[in-house]
Structure formats: structure tokens, C-alpha cells
Amino acid sequence: AFCNFVDGIFIGAAFLGCSWGTVFSIILVTLLHEIPQEIADFLILTRYAGLTTAKACFVNFTSGLSVTLGGIVVLATNTSDATTGIILAIAGGAYINISVAETVPRIDSHITGKVNRLLMLTFFIV
């Protein structure tokens, strides 16, 4: 629930300080990050925690509502442009961390040779 709340804060900050294109980009990135996470949560709740499908869906849905709460908190408070910028910088760092922690090790395990590894790192950085 905390991760979802923080995602809501990021989305709310985007509504405060960004263009519509950027807002929708942040919403899309958040959705693409959340969908596999919620599927994994559902599988853990049903397979390992022993919840029924209905209960697992309810718990996931309730947890997902905290995104809305995070957005409301940011939009309801009087944040300065500097605060909004800091929140968006933290959001960018969080999404870069997710991509580095999840994507690079998977790609790296399939790359052979120093030249290909250097190309992979170059393309990832650029």
C-alpha cells in the first residue's frame, strides 16, 4: 500500500507541475510498473497466503486505492514549485532504479563478449 501511495504522490505532483503530455507519460509508466506488481501480489496472496480469489482481488483493490489517496494528499496541500520539483526528481530516480535493478541484470545474463556488454551499457545510459 505504501508503494501505491507514493505512486499517487508522484502522479499528483505531475499534475501540479508538468504538461499534460508529461502527466500522461508518468501515469503510463506507473501503470506499466504496477500491473506486473499487482499480478505478483495476487499470486502471492492466492498461492502462499491462502486467500481465495475474491479476497485476493479485494485486498489488491483496497491496496490500489492508496494511489488515489496519495494523489489527493499532494493536490490538497499547498506545495511550492520547488517541492513539486523535488517530488518529481525522486519519482524519476525511483523509476530509473526499478529499470536498472530489474532490466539490466536480465539483459546482462544474455550478453557475451566485452564489446556487446559495452554497447548494452552505452545504449542503456543514452
Foldseek 3Di string as FASTA:
>chain_A
DVVLLLLLLLLLLCVVAHDPVVSVVSVVLVVVVVPVVLVVQLCCCVPPVPDDNVVSVVVSVVVNCSSVVSNCVNNVDDDDPVVSVVSNVVVVVVSLVVCCVPPPVVVVVPDDDPVRNVVVVVVSVD
